Protein backbone atom coordinates (compact mmCIF):
# COMPACT_ATOMS: atom_id res chain seq x y z
CA GLY A 1 -125.55 -133.21 87.81
CA PHE A 2 -124.41 -130.99 90.49
CA LEU A 3 -120.68 -130.26 91.23
CA HIS A 4 -119.29 -129.26 94.71
CA TYR A 5 -115.65 -128.62 95.13
CA MET A 6 -113.04 -126.67 97.23
CA VAL A 7 -109.94 -124.93 96.17
CA ASP A 8 -107.03 -124.03 98.55
CA ASN A 9 -104.62 -121.45 97.08
CA CYS A 10 -101.37 -119.94 98.34
CA GLU A 11 -100.36 -116.82 96.45
CA PHE A 12 -96.80 -115.49 97.09
CA ASN A 13 -94.12 -113.03 95.99
CA SER A 14 -91.42 -114.41 98.22
CA SER A 15 -90.95 -117.20 100.90
CA LYS A 16 -91.58 -114.57 103.69
CA LEU A 17 -94.73 -115.09 105.68
CA ASN A 18 -95.82 -111.47 105.07
CA ASP A 19 -95.74 -112.00 101.32
CA ILE A 20 -98.12 -115.12 101.33
CA GLU A 21 -101.84 -115.03 101.17
CA PHE A 22 -103.89 -118.26 101.84
CA THR A 23 -107.45 -118.53 100.40
CA GLU A 24 -109.91 -121.46 100.59
CA SER A 25 -112.91 -121.22 98.27
CA TYR A 26 -115.99 -123.37 98.14
CA TYR A 27 -117.95 -123.80 94.94
CA TYR A 28 -121.28 -125.28 93.90
CA ASN A 29 -122.14 -125.56 90.20
CA LYS A 30 -119.14 -123.30 89.25
CA LEU A 31 -120.43 -120.56 91.64
CA GLU A 32 -118.28 -119.58 94.54
CA PHE A 33 -120.46 -119.39 97.59
CA ILE A 34 -117.96 -118.92 100.49
CA ARG A 35 -114.26 -117.94 100.85
CA PHE A 36 -111.69 -117.68 103.66
CA SER A 37 -108.80 -115.31 103.03
CA SER A 38 -105.94 -114.94 105.35
CA SER A 39 -105.71 -111.16 104.54
CA VAL A 40 -109.34 -110.73 105.73
CA GLY A 41 -109.01 -113.32 108.54
CA LYS A 42 -112.52 -114.67 108.28
CA PHE A 43 -115.04 -116.51 105.97
CA VAL A 44 -117.12 -114.25 103.55
CA GLY A 45 -120.26 -115.54 101.94
CA TYR A 46 -121.23 -114.63 98.51
CA THR A 47 -124.72 -116.32 98.31
CA GLU A 48 -127.50 -116.67 100.86
CA HIS A 49 -126.18 -120.12 101.81
CA GLY A 50 -122.64 -118.83 101.92
CA ILE A 51 -123.55 -115.91 104.30
CA LYS A 52 -125.24 -118.20 106.78
CA ASN A 53 -122.34 -120.60 106.74
CA ALA A 54 -119.75 -117.75 107.12
CA GLU A 55 -121.63 -116.46 110.19
CA ARG A 56 -121.51 -120.03 111.69
CA TRP A 57 -117.99 -120.79 110.83
CA ASN A 58 -116.65 -117.35 111.90
CA ASN A 59 -118.10 -118.12 115.34
CA GLY A 60 -116.58 -121.68 115.54
CA PRO A 61 -113.46 -123.51 115.44
CA GLU A 62 -113.31 -123.45 111.66
CA VAL A 63 -112.12 -119.89 111.37
CA ILE A 64 -109.35 -120.53 114.02
CA ALA A 65 -108.09 -123.52 112.16
CA ARG A 66 -107.91 -121.66 108.82
CA ARG A 67 -106.01 -118.79 110.38
CA GLY A 68 -103.18 -121.17 111.01
CA PHE A 69 -103.14 -122.64 107.45
CA LYS A 70 -101.01 -119.65 106.05
CA GLU A 71 -98.24 -120.77 108.22
CA SER A 72 -98.67 -124.46 108.47
CA TYR A 73 -99.79 -125.18 104.86
CA CYS A 74 -98.42 -122.35 102.64
CA LEU A 75 -95.14 -121.44 104.22
CA ASN A 76 -93.79 -124.94 104.05
CA ASN A 77 -94.92 -125.42 100.50
CA VAL A 78 -93.90 -122.03 99.22
CA GLY A 79 -90.38 -122.57 100.61
CA ASN A 80 -90.17 -125.82 98.73
CA ASP A 81 -91.56 -124.25 95.41
CA VAL A 82 -89.17 -121.21 95.70
CA GLU A 83 -86.15 -123.41 96.31
CA SER A 84 -87.11 -125.74 93.48
CA ALA A 85 -87.62 -122.90 91.06
CA LEU A 86 -84.32 -121.17 91.98
CA THR A 87 -82.28 -124.39 91.50
CA LYS A 88 -83.79 -124.95 87.99
CA SER A 89 -83.34 -121.31 86.76
């Protein structure tokens, strides 16, 4: 069979927005074919299919939406994770 999945990731060193990076990766059969990274600010394709989609998504509303995920998705969750870890240590 074939497997298609997506992974959202927030990497952080503190709960400050500047110390957080949001990535969203798309995979097909364990091969990453496209990724959005908040540090790059756009989609990057790694296969022929990924490159075509990156060009299309970087010129559409998809890239604008992803640019806001660092703050709307990561910042809230990282704050909760940091607070939870500090109270248990």
